[in-house]
Amino acid sequence: MQGTTRVMLLVILFTASVIGYAASQEQGAVTYEKDVKPIISKRCVSCHGSNAPTIEEFKKNEEGFKQKNKGPRMDTYQNLMIFVNGTDTGALMRRLDEGKNTKDGKPGNMYKWLGATDEERAKNVETIKKWVGGWTLKRSADITDTERKAIKVLEK
């Protein structure tokens, strides 16, 4: 009886520790709502907010919208997903990359807007990279199924 009780106690303790570890990992997960939305709201919505064109509208008149300092709308999780793992997969990553993943070492054209200082930009791009998971600069047509599945982008 004593051996059975000891085994049961060990099983209970092991199960509790696994559940506790899983819960702590989930709390540490980078999500759109908790981590990415505040960056987008502070650093991007003046050009990519609710008054910006949809991607379809933008593509019809790119130069006209660029002259007005407007890019495609990225003000919601659903709108942002188009550029992360949707019809324009990788576009967000190509534009925000700090240059570590490019052949010429140059950052993407929107990297400079991720912060007022080098430190803030580095912190924000790292947060977005953790959120994305499978950071790729490839275009939608070139990305493999495995690479697409590596993109995590939790909403909540």
Protein backbone atom coordinates (compact mmCIF):
# COMPACT_ATOMS: atom_id res chain seq x y z
CA MET A 1 0.00 0.00 0.00
CA GLN A 2 2.78 2.40 0.91
CA GLY A 3 4.50 1.87 -2.48
CA THR A 4 1.23 2.50 -4.33
CA THR A 5 0.65 5.72 -2.39
CA ARG A 6 4.18 6.90 -3.19
CA VAL A 7 3.71 6.19 -6.90
CA MET A 8 0.35 7.96 -6.94
CA LEU A 9 1.87 10.96 -5.17
CA LEU A 10 4.69 11.10 -7.70
CA VAL A 11 2.22 10.89 -10.61
CA ILE A 12 0.14 13.71 -9.11
CA LEU A 13 3.22 15.90 -8.53
CA PHE A 14 4.52 15.23 -12.05
CA THR A 15 1.13 16.02 -13.61
CA ALA A 16 0.83 19.24 -11.61
CA SER A 17 4.31 20.36 -12.65
CA VAL A 18 3.59 19.65 -16.35
CA ILE A 19 0.33 21.61 -16.15
CA GLY A 20 2.08 24.47 -14.36
CA TYR A 21 4.87 24.56 -16.94
CA ALA A 22 2.37 24.57 -19.83
CA ALA A 23 0.42 27.41 -18.21
CA SER A 24 3.57 29.47 -17.68
CA GLN A 25 4.58 28.96 -21.33
CA GLU A 26 1.14 30.11 -22.52
CA GLN A 27 1.33 33.25 -20.36
CA GLY A 28 4.72 34.06 -21.90
CA ALA A 29 3.45 33.66 -25.46
CA VAL A 30 3.61 36.76 -27.63
CA THR A 31 0.15 37.65 -28.92
CA TYR A 32 -1.29 40.28 -31.22
CA GLU A 33 -3.61 41.76 -28.58
CA LYS A 34 -1.10 41.89 -25.76
CA ASP A 35 2.19 42.63 -27.53
CA VAL A 36 1.91 43.51 -31.22
CA LYS A 37 -1.21 45.68 -31.34
CA PRO A 38 0.34 48.32 -29.02
CA ILE A 39 3.37 48.57 -31.33
CA ILE A 40 1.20 48.83 -34.45
CA SER A 41 -1.08 51.38 -32.75
CA LYS A 42 1.83 53.57 -31.69
CA ARG A 43 4.16 53.23 -34.65
CA CYS A 44 2.09 52.34 -37.76
CA VAL A 45 -1.56 53.42 -37.79
CA SER A 46 -0.91 57.00 -38.85
CA CYS A 47 -0.23 55.58 -42.33
CA HIS A 48 -1.81 52.11 -42.06
CA GLY A 49 -4.86 52.82 -39.87
CA SER A 50 -8.61 52.60 -40.42
CA ASN A 51 -8.53 55.54 -42.85
CA ALA A 52 -5.94 53.77 -45.04
CA PRO A 53 -6.96 51.88 -48.18
CA THR A 54 -7.50 48.13 -48.27
CA ILE A 55 -4.75 46.22 -50.06
CA GLU A 56 -6.99 45.95 -53.12
CA GLU A 57 -7.58 49.72 -53.19
CA PHE A 58 -3.89 50.40 -52.56
CA LYS A 59 -2.76 48.24 -55.49
CA LYS A 60 -5.04 50.17 -57.87
CA ASN A 61 -3.31 53.49 -57.06
CA GLU A 62 -0.06 52.83 -55.17
CA GLU A 63 1.65 56.07 -56.17
CA GLY A 64 -1.38 58.20 -55.32
CA PHE A 65 -1.64 56.68 -51.85
CA LYS A 66 2.12 56.92 -51.25
CA GLN A 67 1.97 60.64 -52.06
CA LYS A 68 -0.67 60.94 -49.32
CA ASN A 69 1.55 58.92 -46.91
CA LYS A 70 -0.95 56.08 -46.87
CA GLY A 71 -0.11 52.42 -47.09
CA PRO A 72 -2.40 49.41 -47.02
CA ARG A 73 -4.65 49.08 -43.98
CA MET A 74 -3.10 47.09 -41.11
CA ASP A 75 -5.24 48.31 -38.21
CA THR A 76 -6.73 44.96 -37.16
CA TYR A 77 -5.48 41.43 -36.69
CA GLN A 78 -7.37 40.32 -39.82
CA ASN A 79 -5.95 43.14 -41.95
CA LEU A 80 -2.41 42.52 -40.68
CA MET A 81 -2.66 38.79 -41.38
CA ILE A 82 -2.87 39.49 -45.13
CA PHE A 83 0.77 40.63 -44.93
CA VAL A 84 1.97 37.95 -42.53
CA ASN A 85 0.38 34.70 -43.66
CA GLY A 86 -2.27 35.59 -46.22
CA THR A 87 -2.41 36.66 -49.84
CA ASP A 88 0.69 38.84 -49.38
CA THR A 89 2.63 36.48 -47.07
CA GLY A 90 5.99 37.79 -45.97
CA ALA A 91 5.29 41.43 -46.88
CA LEU A 92 5.29 42.56 -43.25
CA MET A 93 8.52 40.69 -42.55
CA ARG A 94 10.28 42.08 -45.65
CA ARG A 95 9.36 45.63 -44.69
CA LEU A 96 10.17 45.38 -40.99
CA ASP A 97 13.31 43.23 -41.14
CA GLU A 98 16.29 44.91 -39.48
CA GLY A 99 18.67 43.74 -42.23
CA LYS A 100 19.93 40.56 -40.55
CA ASN A 101 18.09 38.43 -43.12
CA THR A 102 18.89 40.34 -46.30
CA LYS A 103 21.79 39.72 -48.68
CA ASP A 104 22.85 43.37 -48.60
CA GLY A 105 22.28 43.85 -44.85
CA LYS A 106 19.86 46.70 -45.43
CA PRO A 107 16.72 46.91 -43.29
CA GLY A 108 13.25 46.88 -44.79
CA ASN A 109 11.75 50.20 -45.85
CA MET A 110 9.47 50.40 -42.78
CA TYR A 111 11.99 49.30 -40.14
CA LYS A 112 12.93 52.91 -39.36
CA TRP A 113 9.34 53.61 -38.23
CA LEU A 114 9.39 50.88 -35.56
CA GLY A 115 10.85 53.23 -32.98
CA ALA A 116 12.38 56.58 -32.22
CA THR A 117 15.72 55.01 -31.25
CA ASP A 118 17.80 52.03 -32.39
CA GLU A 119 17.00 50.36 -29.07
CA GLU A 120 13.24 50.81 -29.45
CA ARG A 121 13.32 49.56 -33.06
CA ALA A 122 15.35 46.50 -32.07
CA LYS A 123 12.99 45.70 -29.18
CA ASN A 124 9.87 46.10 -31.33
CA VAL A 125 11.16 44.03 -34.24
CA GLU A 126 12.20 41.29 -31.81
CA THR A 127 8.68 41.24 -30.32
CA ILE A 128 7.13 41.02 -33.78
CA LYS A 129 9.58 38.26 -34.78
CA LYS A 130 8.63 36.24 -31.70
CA TRP A 131 4.96 36.73 -32.55
CA VAL A 132 5.41 35.63 -36.17
CA GLY A 133 7.56 32.63 -35.31
CA GLY A 134 8.60 31.56 -38.81
CA TRP A 135 10.13 34.87 -39.91
CA THR A 136 10.57 34.74 -43.69
CA LEU A 137 11.26 37.33 -46.34
CA LYS A 138 9.91 35.08 -49.07
CA ARG A 139 6.91 36.04 -51.13
CA SER A 140 3.68 34.05 -50.90
CA ALA A 141 4.34 32.09 -54.11
CA ASP A 142 7.80 31.02 -52.89
CA ILE A 143 7.01 29.93 -49.35
CA THR A 144 6.79 26.21 -48.57
CA ASP A 145 4.01 24.58 -46.57
CA THR A 146 6.50 23.90 -43.78
CA GLU A 147 7.53 27.57 -43.68
CA ARG A 148 3.89 28.67 -43.72
CA LYS A 149 3.08 26.35 -40.79
CA ALA A 150 5.99 27.83 -38.81
CA ILE A 151 4.22 31.19 -38.78
CA LYS A 152 2.42 31.27 -35.40
CA VAL A 153 0.84 34.75 -34.99
CA LEU A 154 -1.44 34.18 -32.00
CA GLU A 155 -4.29 36.66 -31.82
CA LYS A 156 -5.01 36.43 -28.09
